[in-house]
Each structure stands twice: as structure tokens, then as C-alpha cells.
Amino acid sequence: MFWNKKDSHSISILVGNLEDPTGLEVKGHVFVSEKPDYYEIGDDLPQFEQFPEGGTRQ
């Protein structure tokens, strides 16, 4: 699944759809308010309760 926000210079990709290594870099986690309580995020990347108002491009 791919999507592009209007007036954006990048495209978002649902990386769970990819099988082979891609060289993509994770920038953060969105919708962490909806993750199950047994799932722990073990990195120092930014976490957003919902989709961040300014987008995920940092």
C-alpha cells in the first residue's frame, strides 16, 4: 500500500507489504495509542499517539 499526501515531496509505504530488504529507514511510530499492551516498542524513535499533525517527515 502506498499513499502520498497532497503537496508532499515524498511517498509513504506500508513496509509490512515488502518481503526483501529495502534500505528504508524508520523515522518513528504512529498510532501507538492503538497498539496492544503486550507489544513493546524498544527503540528511541519518536512515538505518536495518532498521526502527527505536521506529518512524519522530520
PDB file of N, CA and C in Angstrom:
ATOM      1  N   MET A   1       0.847  -1.164   0.000  1.00  0.00           N
ATOM      2  CA  MET A   1       0.000   0.000   0.000  1.00  0.00           C
ATOM      3  C   MET A   1       0.900   1.237   0.000  1.00  0.00           C
ATOM      4  N   PHE A   2       0.615   2.155  -0.863  1.00  0.00           N
ATOM      5  CA  PHE A   2       1.348   3.405  -0.963  1.00  0.00           C
ATOM      6  C   PHE A   2       0.365   4.552  -0.853  1.00  0.00           C
ATOM      7  N   TRP A   3       0.813   5.667  -0.323  1.00  0.00           N
ATOM      8  CA  TRP A   3      -0.018   6.862  -0.340  1.00  0.00           C
ATOM      9  C   TRP A   3       0.876   8.080  -0.329  1.00  0.00           C
ATOM     10  N   ASN A   4       0.348   9.163  -0.843  1.00  0.00           N
ATOM     11  CA  ASN A   4       1.092  10.402  -0.954  1.00  0.00           C
ATOM     12  C   ASN A   4       0.198  11.529  -0.492  1.00  0.00           C
ATOM     13  N   LYS A   5       0.631  12.256   0.507  1.00  0.00           N
ATOM     14  CA  LYS A   5      -0.129  13.400   0.995  1.00  0.00           C
ATOM     15  C   LYS A   5      -0.057  14.522  -0.039  1.00  0.00           C
ATOM     16  N   LYS A   6      -1.166  15.158  -0.270  1.00  0.00           N
ATOM     17  CA  LYS A   6      -1.226  16.239  -1.254  1.00  0.00           C
ATOM     18  C   LYS A   6      -0.161  17.292  -0.943  1.00  0.00           C
ATOM     19  N   ASP A   7       0.470  17.804  -1.951  1.00  0.00           N
ATOM     20  CA  ASP A   7       1.521  18.822  -1.844  1.00  0.00           C
ATOM     21  C   ASP A   7       2.735  18.324  -1.068  1.00  0.00           C
ATOM     22  N   SER A   8       3.031  17.048  -1.154  1.00  0.00           N
ATOM     23  CA  SER A   8       4.168  16.470  -0.448  1.00  0.00           C
ATOM     24  C   SER A   8       5.253  16.087  -1.442  1.00  0.00           C
ATOM     25  N   HIS A   9       6.473  16.055  -0.955  1.00  0.00           N
ATOM     26  CA  HIS A   9       7.593  15.672  -1.805  1.00  0.00           C
ATOM     27  C   HIS A   9       8.063  14.244  -1.529  1.00  0.00           C
ATOM     28  N   SER A  10       7.261  13.497  -0.791  1.00  0.00           N
ATOM     29  CA  SER A  10       7.632  12.113  -0.513  1.00  0.00           C
ATOM     30  C   SER A  10       6.382  11.238  -0.553  1.00  0.00           C
ATOM     31  N   ILE A  11       6.620   9.941  -0.501  1.00  0.00           N
ATOM     32  CA  ILE A  11       5.524   8.979  -0.530  1.00  0.00           C
ATOM     33  C   ILE A  11       5.665   8.066   0.690  1.00  0.00           C
ATOM     34  N   SER A  12       4.568   7.642   1.255  1.00  0.00           N
ATOM     35  CA  SER A  12       4.586   6.726   2.396  1.00  0.00           C
ATOM     36  C   SER A  12       4.308   5.314   1.908  1.00  0.00           C
ATOM     37  N   ILE A  13       4.967   4.344   2.552  1.00  0.00           N
ATOM     38  CA  ILE A  13       4.858   2.947   2.149  1.00  0.00           C
ATOM     39  C   ILE A  13       4.559   2.110   3.376  1.00  0.00           C
ATOM     40  N   LEU A  14       3.568   1.240   3.288  1.00  0.00           N
ATOM     41  CA  LEU A  14       3.288   0.282   4.337  1.00  0.00           C
ATOM     42  C   LEU A  14       4.317  -0.834   4.193  1.00  0.00           C
ATOM     43  N   VAL A  15       5.398  -0.768   4.971  1.00  0.00           N
ATOM     44  CA  VAL A  15       6.534  -1.654   4.746  1.00  0.00           C
ATOM     45  C   VAL A  15       6.241  -3.100   5.087  1.00  0.00           C
ATOM     46  N   GLY A  16       5.175  -3.382   5.807  1.00  0.00           N
ATOM     47  CA  GLY A  16       4.809  -4.763   6.079  1.00  0.00           C
ATOM     48  C   GLY A  16       4.472  -5.532   4.814  1.00  0.00           C
ATOM     49  N   ASN A  17       4.247  -4.820   3.724  1.00  0.00           N
ATOM     50  CA  ASN A  17       3.946  -5.457   2.434  1.00  0.00           C
ATOM     51  C   ASN A  17       5.197  -5.870   1.679  1.00  0.00           C
ATOM     52  N   LEU A  18       6.363  -5.492   2.165  1.00  0.00           N
ATOM     53  CA  LEU A  18       7.607  -5.770   1.458  1.00  0.00           C
ATOM     54  C   LEU A  18       8.275  -7.007   2.044  1.00  0.00           C
ATOM     55  N   GLU A  19       8.856  -7.835   1.189  1.00  0.00           N
ATOM     56  CA  GLU A  19       9.488  -9.072   1.640  1.00  0.00           C
ATOM     57  C   GLU A  19      11.006  -8.967   1.730  1.00  0.00           C
ATOM     58  N   ASP A  20      11.625  -8.320   0.782  1.00  0.00           N
ATOM     59  CA  ASP A  20      13.086  -8.271   0.712  1.00  0.00           C
ATOM     60  C   ASP A  20      13.621  -7.014   1.403  1.00  0.00           C
ATOM     61  N   PRO A  21      14.897  -7.000   1.792  1.00  0.00           N
ATOM     62  CA  PRO A  21      15.493  -5.787   2.355  1.00  0.00           C
ATOM     63  C   PRO A  21      15.335  -4.618   1.383  1.00  0.00           C
ATOM     64  N   THR A  22      15.038  -3.442   1.912  1.00  0.00           N
ATOM     65  CA  THR A  22      14.731  -2.309   1.053  1.00  0.00           C
ATOM     66  C   THR A  22      15.665  -1.126   1.219  1.00  0.00           C
ATOM     67  N   GLY A  23      16.365  -1.052   2.344  1.00  0.00           N
ATOM     68  CA  GLY A  23      17.177   0.121   2.622  1.00  0.00           C
ATOM     69  C   GLY A  23      16.360   1.266   3.194  1.00  0.00           C
ATOM     70  N   LEU A  24      15.080   1.016   3.487  1.00  0.00           N
ATOM     71  CA  LEU A  24      14.233   2.054   4.077  1.00  0.00           C
ATOM     72  C   LEU A  24      14.656   2.317   5.517  1.00  0.00           C
ATOM     73  N   GLU A  25      14.455   3.538   5.969  1.00  0.00           N
ATOM     74  CA  GLU A  25      14.813   3.932   7.328  1.00  0.00           C
ATOM     75  C   GLU A  25      13.549   4.293   8.101  1.00  0.00           C
ATOM     76  N   VAL A  26      13.375   3.698   9.265  1.00  0.00           N
ATOM     77  CA  VAL A  26      12.219   4.000  10.105  1.00  0.00           C
ATOM     78  C   VAL A  26      12.447   5.342  10.779  1.00  0.00           C
ATOM     79  N   LYS A  27      11.433   6.230  10.724  1.00  0.00           N
ATOM     80  CA  LYS A  27      11.539   7.567  11.315  1.00  0.00           C
ATOM     81  C   LYS A  27      10.794   7.682  12.628  1.00  0.00           C
ATOM     82  N   GLY A  28       9.846   6.786  12.896  1.00  0.00           N
ATOM     83  CA  GLY A  28       9.075   6.856  14.124  1.00  0.00           C
ATOM     84  C   GLY A  28       7.901   5.897  14.081  1.00  0.00           C
ATOM     85  N   HIS A  29       7.094   5.947  15.131  1.00  0.00           N
ATOM     86  CA  HIS A  29       5.945   5.055  15.270  1.00  0.00           C
ATOM     87  C   HIS A  29       4.679   5.907  15.401  1.00  0.00           C
ATOM     88  N   VAL A  30       3.679   5.615  14.578  1.00  0.00           N
ATOM     89  CA  VAL A  30       2.406   6.331  14.648  1.00  0.00           C
ATOM     90  C   VAL A  30       1.333   5.410  15.208  1.00  0.00           C
ATOM     91  N   PHE A  31       0.294   5.998  15.753  1.00  0.00           N
ATOM     92  CA  PHE A  31      -0.855   5.296  16.330  1.00  0.00           C
ATOM     93  C   PHE A  31      -0.451   4.370  17.474  1.00  0.00           C
ATOM     94  N   VAL A  32       0.531   4.778  18.281  1.00  0.00           N
ATOM     95  CA  VAL A  32       0.938   3.933  19.401  1.00  0.00           C
ATOM     96  C   VAL A  32      -0.166   3.807  20.450  1.00  0.00           C
ATOM     97  N   SER A  33      -1.137   4.705  20.432  1.00  0.00           N
ATOM     98  CA  SER A  33      -2.262   4.599  21.374  1.00  0.00           C
ATOM     99  C   SER A  33      -3.133   3.387  21.060  1.00  0.00           C
ATOM    100  N   GLU A  34      -2.991   2.818  19.872  1.00  0.00           N
ATOM    101  CA  GLU A  34      -3.811   1.678  19.467  1.00  0.00           C
ATOM    102  C   GLU A  34      -3.060   0.342  19.524  1.00  0.00           C
ATOM    103  N   LYS A  35      -1.810   0.369  19.951  1.00  0.00           N
ATOM    104  CA  LYS A  35      -1.052  -0.886  20.000  1.00  0.00           C
ATOM    105  C   LYS A  35      -1.515  -1.721  21.190  1.00  0.00           C
ATOM    106  N   PRO A  36      -1.449  -3.035  21.087  1.00  0.00           N
ATOM    107  CA  PRO A  36      -1.822  -3.894  22.212  1.00  0.00           C
ATOM    108  C   PRO A  36      -0.850  -3.688  23.378  1.00  0.00           C
ATOM    109  N   ASP A  37      -1.304  -3.911  24.600  1.00  0.00           N
ATOM    110  CA  ASP A  37      -0.453  -3.681  25.767  1.00  0.00           C
ATOM    111  C   ASP A  37       0.713  -4.655  25.856  1.00  0.00           C
ATOM    112  N   TYR A  38       0.653  -5.787  25.177  1.00  0.00           N
ATOM    113  CA  TYR A  38       1.753  -6.751  25.210  1.00  0.00           C
ATOM    114  C   TYR A  38       2.869  -6.399  24.224  1.00  0.00           C
ATOM    115  N   TYR A  39       2.637  -5.428  23.366  1.00  0.00           N
ATOM    116  CA  TYR A  39       3.631  -5.043  22.360  1.00  0.00           C
ATOM    117  C   TYR A  39       4.459  -3.891  22.912  1.00  0.00           C
ATOM    118  N   GLU A  40       5.769  -4.072  22.992  1.00  0.00           N
ATOM    119  CA  GLU A  40       6.655  -3.022  23.477  1.00  0.00           C
ATOM    120  C   GLU A  40       7.491  -2.478  22.336  1.00  0.00           C
ATOM    121  N   ILE A  41       7.623  -1.181  22.287  1.00  0.00           N
ATOM    122  CA  ILE A  41       8.488  -0.531  21.297  1.00  0.00           C
ATOM    123  C   ILE A  41       9.825  -0.315  21.989  1.00  0.00           C
ATOM    124  N   GLY A  42      10.852  -0.970  21.509  1.00  0.00           N
ATOM    125  CA  GLY A  42      12.132  -0.985  22.197  1.00  0.00           C
ATOM    126  C   GLY A  42      13.209  -0.127  21.571  1.00  0.00           C
ATOM    127  N   ASP A  43      12.838   0.947  20.913  1.00  0.00           N
ATOM    128  CA  ASP A  43      13.859   1.831  20.355  1.00  0.00           C
ATOM    129  C   ASP A  43      13.606   3.255  20.841  1.00  0.00           C
ATOM    130  N   ASP A  44      14.475   4.165  20.461  1.00  0.00           N
ATOM    131  CA  ASP A  44      14.369   5.559  20.901  1.00  0.00           C
ATOM    132  C   ASP A  44      13.739   6.472  19.850  1.00  0.00           C
ATOM    133  N   LEU A  45      13.072   5.886  18.865  1.00  0.00           N
ATOM    134  CA  LEU A  45      12.443   6.698  17.823  1.00  0.00           C
ATOM    135  C   LEU A  45      11.220   7.405  18.384  1.00  0.00           C
ATOM    136  N   PRO A  46      10.817   8.529  17.766  1.00  0.00           N
ATOM    137  CA  PRO A  46       9.633   9.243  18.235  1.00  0.00           C
ATOM    138  C   PRO A  46       8.385   8.360  18.164  1.00  0.00           C
ATOM    139  N   GLN A  47       7.501   8.544  19.147  1.00  0.00           N
ATOM    140  CA  GLN A  47       6.237   7.809  19.177  1.00  0.00           C
ATOM    141  C   GLN A  47       5.100   8.820  19.191  1.00  0.00           C
ATOM    142  N   PHE A  48       4.101   8.571  18.356  1.00  0.00           N
ATOM    143  CA  PHE A  48       2.963   9.475  18.235  1.00  0.00           C
ATOM    144  C   PHE A  48       1.685   8.716  18.554  1.00  0.00           C
ATOM    145  N   GLU A  49       0.857   9.290  19.422  1.00  0.00           N
ATOM    146  CA  GLU A  49      -0.408   8.654  19.801  1.00  0.00           C
ATOM    147  C   GLU A  49      -1.313   8.457  18.582  1.00  0.00           C
ATOM    148  N   GLN A  50      -1.345   9.435  17.707  1.00  0.00           N
ATOM    149  CA  GLN A  50      -2.120   9.400  16.466  1.00  0.00           C
ATOM    150  C   GLN A  50      -1.171   9.794  15.343  1.00  0.00           C
ATOM    151  N   PHE A  51      -1.705  10.130  14.191  1.00  0.00           N
ATOM    152  CA  PHE A  51      -0.857  10.619  13.106  1.00  0.00           C
ATOM    153  C   PHE A  51      -0.465  12.050  13.437  1.00  0.00           C
ATOM    154  N   PRO A  52       0.814  12.397  13.449  1.00  0.00           N
ATOM    155  CA  PRO A  52       1.230  13.750  13.817  1.00  0.00           C
ATOM    156  C   PRO A  52       0.689  14.799  12.847  1.00  0.00           C
ATOM    157  N   GLU A  53       0.262  15.907  13.411  1.00  0.00           N
ATOM    158  CA  GLU A  53      -0.353  16.962  12.604  1.00  0.00           C
ATOM    159  C   GLU A  53       0.562  17.439  11.476  1.00  0.00           C
ATOM    160  N   GLY A  54       1.845  17.534  11.742  1.00  0.00           N
ATOM    161  CA  GLY A  54       2.790  18.002  10.732  1.00  0.00           C
ATOM    162  C   GLY A  54       3.329  16.894   9.848  1.00  0.00           C
ATOM    163  N   GLY A  55       2.824  15.681  10.013  1.00  0.00           N
ATOM    164  CA  GLY A  55       3.306  14.551   9.234  1.00  0.00           C
ATOM    165  C   GLY A  55       4.461  13.866   9.939  1.00  0.00           C
ATOM    166  N   THR A  56       5.007  12.888   9.301  1.00  0.00           N
ATOM    167  CA  THR A  56       6.075  12.092   9.905  1.00  0.00           C
ATOM    168  C   THR A  56       7.456  12.429   9.343  1.00  0.00           C
ATOM    169  N   ARG A  57       7.532  13.336   8.433  1.00  0.00           N
ATOM    170  CA  ARG A  57       8.830  13.682   7.851  1.00  0.00           C
ATOM    171  C   ARG A  57       9.547  14.625   8.794  1.00  0.00           C
ATOM    172  N   GLN A  58      10.690  14.189   9.292  1.00  0.00           N
ATOM    173  CA  GLN A  58      11.438  15.021  10.239  1.00  0.00           C
ATOM    174  C   GLN A  58      12.806  15.322   9.706  1.00  0.00           C
TER     175      GLN A  58
END
